[in-house]
Each structure stands twice: as structure tokens, then as C-alpha cells.
């Protein structure tokens, strides 16, 4: 049945995989996440090129597949390895817990620690250094907390869909 240790393990694995994808993409091509930068930063830099839009899809689709596929796989394993029928709430909590753990890591580690506190140079888009909105925009903890809240809703919706599909199988 539902096992907190499994949720924590799978959430940690998802967090590492998703963080590698996110930070690797930001290291190589930060403009691919231009839509996630504060509006003050987006107003200072040119919009995405057609190539950047294509690359964003090429990175975004596999990222979403990992973000949804990993908890889905874990929830299917929970469903198939249980000796009795697993209740819907257990399937939901399993998938929600895994995605939510990544949401917390994304918020506290990637957003607040790395983006807001450390702000490595590779995250700073060319043309935004020295702009009056530089400090308030890159150090905007509230924007990232709002993203966390949105991610929590996304986690619940994704878990709902995953649990329903797992229940059908």
C-alpha cells in the first residue's frame, strides 16, 4: 500500500532528474526559459527567436514527460505490486507526493537559493545587468513563491489524472 519512504525516494529521484534538466538548460541556453523570467526582465530583452521557440519545445516536452511520467510509473508500480486493490486516495497521494516534492525543491533550492540568493552569472540574461530593474527582478522571492503555489495546483491536478489512469489499469 502507500509507503512514505517510496514517495520520498521517488520524489528525490524526480527532483534530481528534473533539476538537472532545468539547470542544464539554463546553463546552456537561459533564454529558452524567457517566459519564466519576471516581466521586468522580459521587457528589457528581445523576444524569443523562432529557433529559441523550437528549442523550447524540444526541451519542454521531454521535461514535462519526465515530470508526469516518473510519478505515473511509480503510481502504476504501487498499483500492480499491491496484493489487494489500492484505493484511489493512495494512488492520488503517491503521485501528488512525488510531484510535490519536486515542487518544493524547485521553489526552495532552484528558485530561492540559486536564482534569488546566489544568482549565478549564467542566469542573468545579456542586456539586463545594470538595468534599474536588475536587482528587484532577479531577487524577487514573491514571484517564485507564487510559482510554487501554482505548482502545487499543478501537482494536485496531475496527481488526479495519474490516479484516475492508474485506477483504470
Protein backbone atom coordinates (compact mmCIF):
# COMPACT_ATOMS: atom_id res chain seq x y z
CA UNK A 1 0.00 0.00 0.00
CA UNK A 2 1.07 3.64 0.35
CA UNK A 3 4.65 3.93 1.55
CA UNK A 4 6.09 7.29 2.61
CA UNK A 5 9.66 6.06 2.08
CA UNK A 6 8.85 5.20 -1.54
CA UNK A 7 7.26 8.61 -2.10
CA UNK A 8 10.30 10.36 -0.62
CA UNK A 9 12.70 8.24 -2.68
CA UNK A 10 10.79 8.72 -5.93
CA UNK A 11 10.29 12.42 -5.21
CA UNK A 12 14.03 12.80 -4.62
CA UNK A 13 14.86 10.95 -7.86
CA UNK A 14 12.38 13.11 -9.82
CA UNK A 15 13.82 16.23 -8.19
CA UNK A 16 17.36 15.32 -9.23
CA UNK A 17 16.36 14.43 -12.80
CA UNK A 18 14.16 17.50 -13.31
CA UNK A 19 16.72 19.81 -11.67
CA UNK A 20 19.46 18.52 -13.96
CA UNK A 21 17.28 19.21 -17.00
CA UNK A 22 16.33 22.69 -15.77
CA UNK A 23 19.76 23.80 -14.62
CA UNK A 24 21.49 22.25 -17.63
CA UNK A 25 19.17 24.09 -19.99
CA UNK A 26 19.61 27.34 -18.06
CA UNK A 27 23.39 26.88 -18.13
CA UNK A 28 23.43 26.35 -21.89
CA UNK A 29 20.52 28.49 -23.11
CA UNK A 30 18.82 30.57 -20.39
CA UNK A 31 16.65 32.38 -22.93
CA UNK A 32 14.75 29.13 -23.52
CA UNK A 33 13.06 29.90 -20.18
CA UNK A 34 12.46 33.55 -21.06
CA UNK A 35 8.73 33.12 -20.36
CA UNK A 36 9.60 32.26 -16.74
CA UNK A 37 11.66 35.38 -16.11
CA UNK A 38 9.93 38.34 -14.41
CA UNK A 39 8.09 40.69 -16.78
CA UNK A 40 10.56 43.49 -15.99
CA UNK A 41 13.40 41.35 -17.37
CA UNK A 42 11.38 40.22 -20.41
CA UNK A 43 10.66 43.87 -21.21
CA UNK A 44 14.40 44.64 -21.48
CA UNK A 45 15.44 41.77 -23.78
CA UNK A 46 14.27 40.87 -27.27
CA UNK A 47 11.55 38.21 -27.57
CA UNK A 48 12.47 34.61 -28.31
CA UNK A 49 13.66 33.91 -31.82
CA UNK A 50 11.98 31.21 -33.91
CA UNK A 51 14.94 28.92 -33.19
CA UNK A 52 14.58 29.53 -29.45
CA UNK A 53 10.86 28.75 -29.65
CA UNK A 54 11.61 25.43 -31.38
CA UNK A 55 14.35 24.58 -28.87
CA UNK A 56 11.99 25.45 -26.00
CA UNK A 57 9.57 22.82 -27.28
CA UNK A 58 12.39 20.31 -27.79
CA UNK A 59 13.40 20.75 -24.14
CA UNK A 60 9.95 21.41 -22.68
CA UNK A 61 8.19 18.32 -23.98
CA UNK A 62 10.75 15.82 -22.62
CA UNK A 63 10.85 17.78 -19.36
CA UNK A 64 7.06 17.51 -18.97
CA UNK A 65 7.23 13.82 -19.88
CA UNK A 66 9.72 13.26 -17.04
CA UNK A 67 7.65 15.42 -14.68
CA UNK A 68 4.49 13.42 -15.38
CA UNK A 69 5.93 10.07 -16.48
CA UNK A 70 8.02 9.43 -13.40
CA UNK A 71 5.18 9.77 -10.85
CA UNK A 72 2.89 7.90 -13.24
CA UNK A 73 5.33 4.98 -13.39
CA UNK A 74 5.71 4.97 -9.62
CA UNK A 75 1.94 5.00 -9.15
CA UNK A 76 1.47 2.16 -11.62
CA UNK A 77 4.09 0.14 -9.74
CA UNK A 78 2.22 0.82 -6.49
CA UNK A 79 -1.00 -0.33 -8.15
CA UNK A 80 0.42 -3.52 -9.68
CA UNK A 81 2.63 -4.64 -6.79
CA UNK A 82 -0.03 -4.40 -4.11
CA UNK A 83 -1.62 -7.70 -3.10
CA UNK A 84 -5.04 -6.05 -2.87
CA UNK A 85 -6.78 -3.24 -4.71
CA UNK A 86 -5.18 0.11 -3.96
CA UNK A 87 -7.71 2.82 -3.09
CA UNK A 88 -7.92 5.95 -5.20
CA UNK A 89 -6.71 8.19 -2.37
CA UNK A 90 -3.48 6.14 -2.06
CA UNK A 91 -2.80 6.43 -5.79
CA UNK A 92 -3.51 10.17 -5.64
CA UNK A 93 -1.30 10.75 -2.59
CA UNK A 94 1.54 8.72 -4.11
CA UNK A 95 1.63 10.73 -7.34
CA UNK A 96 0.89 14.05 -5.58
CA UNK A 97 3.67 13.47 -3.06
CA UNK A 98 6.26 12.75 -5.75
CA UNK A 99 5.42 15.81 -7.87
CA UNK A 100 5.01 18.00 -4.78
CA UNK A 101 8.48 17.09 -3.53
CA UNK A 102 9.92 18.36 -6.80
CA UNK A 103 7.76 21.48 -6.50
CA UNK A 104 9.27 22.19 -3.07
CA UNK A 105 12.83 21.55 -4.34
CA UNK A 106 12.18 23.79 -7.34
CA UNK A 107 10.90 26.57 -5.08
CA UNK A 108 13.40 26.44 -2.22
CA UNK A 109 16.58 25.16 -3.89
CA UNK A 110 16.38 26.21 -7.53
CA UNK A 111 14.35 29.41 -7.21
CA UNK A 112 15.07 30.90 -3.79
CA UNK A 113 18.61 29.61 -3.21
CA UNK A 114 20.12 29.52 -6.70
CA UNK A 115 18.12 32.10 -8.64
CA UNK A 116 17.31 34.67 -5.94
CA UNK A 117 20.12 34.32 -3.41
CA UNK A 118 23.16 33.23 -5.45
CA UNK A 119 22.05 34.46 -8.91
CA UNK A 120 24.87 32.86 -10.94
CA UNK A 121 26.00 34.84 -13.97
CA UNK A 122 24.70 32.23 -16.41
CA UNK A 123 21.13 33.02 -15.27
CA UNK A 124 21.47 36.75 -15.92
CA UNK A 125 20.31 37.49 -19.44
CA UNK A 126 22.62 39.68 -21.54
CA UNK A 127 21.46 43.28 -21.52
CA UNK A 128 19.84 43.13 -18.08
CA UNK A 129 22.94 43.71 -15.93
CA UNK A 130 22.92 47.28 -14.68
CA UNK A 131 19.28 47.84 -15.68
CA UNK A 132 17.31 49.56 -12.87
CA UNK A 133 15.04 46.52 -12.51
CA UNK A 134 18.01 44.11 -12.26
CA UNK A 135 18.16 43.61 -8.51
CA UNK A 136 14.42 43.70 -7.75
CA UNK A 137 13.62 41.37 -10.65
CA UNK A 138 16.26 38.69 -10.16
CA UNK A 139 15.84 38.78 -6.37
CA UNK A 140 12.03 38.63 -6.38
CA UNK A 141 11.22 35.90 -3.87
CA UNK A 142 7.47 36.60 -4.10
CA UNK A 143 7.36 35.71 -7.81
CA UNK A 144 8.87 32.32 -7.04
CA UNK A 145 6.52 31.73 -4.11
CA UNK A 146 3.60 32.43 -6.47
CA UNK A 147 5.15 29.88 -8.87
CA UNK A 148 5.28 27.39 -6.00
CA UNK A 149 1.57 27.90 -5.31
CA UNK A 150 0.76 27.43 -9.00
CA UNK A 151 2.99 24.33 -8.97
CA UNK A 152 1.01 22.98 -6.02
CA UNK A 153 -2.22 23.26 -8.00
CA UNK A 154 -0.46 21.64 -10.99
CA UNK A 155 0.76 18.85 -8.68
CA UNK A 156 -2.79 18.17 -7.48
CA UNK A 157 -4.26 18.20 -11.00
CA UNK A 158 -1.50 15.96 -12.36
CA UNK A 159 -1.95 13.58 -9.41
CA UNK A 160 -5.67 13.45 -10.03
CA UNK A 161 -5.19 12.48 -13.68
CA UNK A 162 -2.43 9.99 -12.84
CA UNK A 163 -4.53 8.36 -10.09
CA UNK A 164 -7.56 8.02 -12.35
CA UNK A 165 -5.49 6.44 -15.15
CA UNK A 166 -3.71 4.11 -12.70
CA UNK A 167 -7.06 3.07 -11.23
CA UNK A 168 -8.33 2.17 -14.69
CA UNK A 169 -5.28 -0.02 -15.37
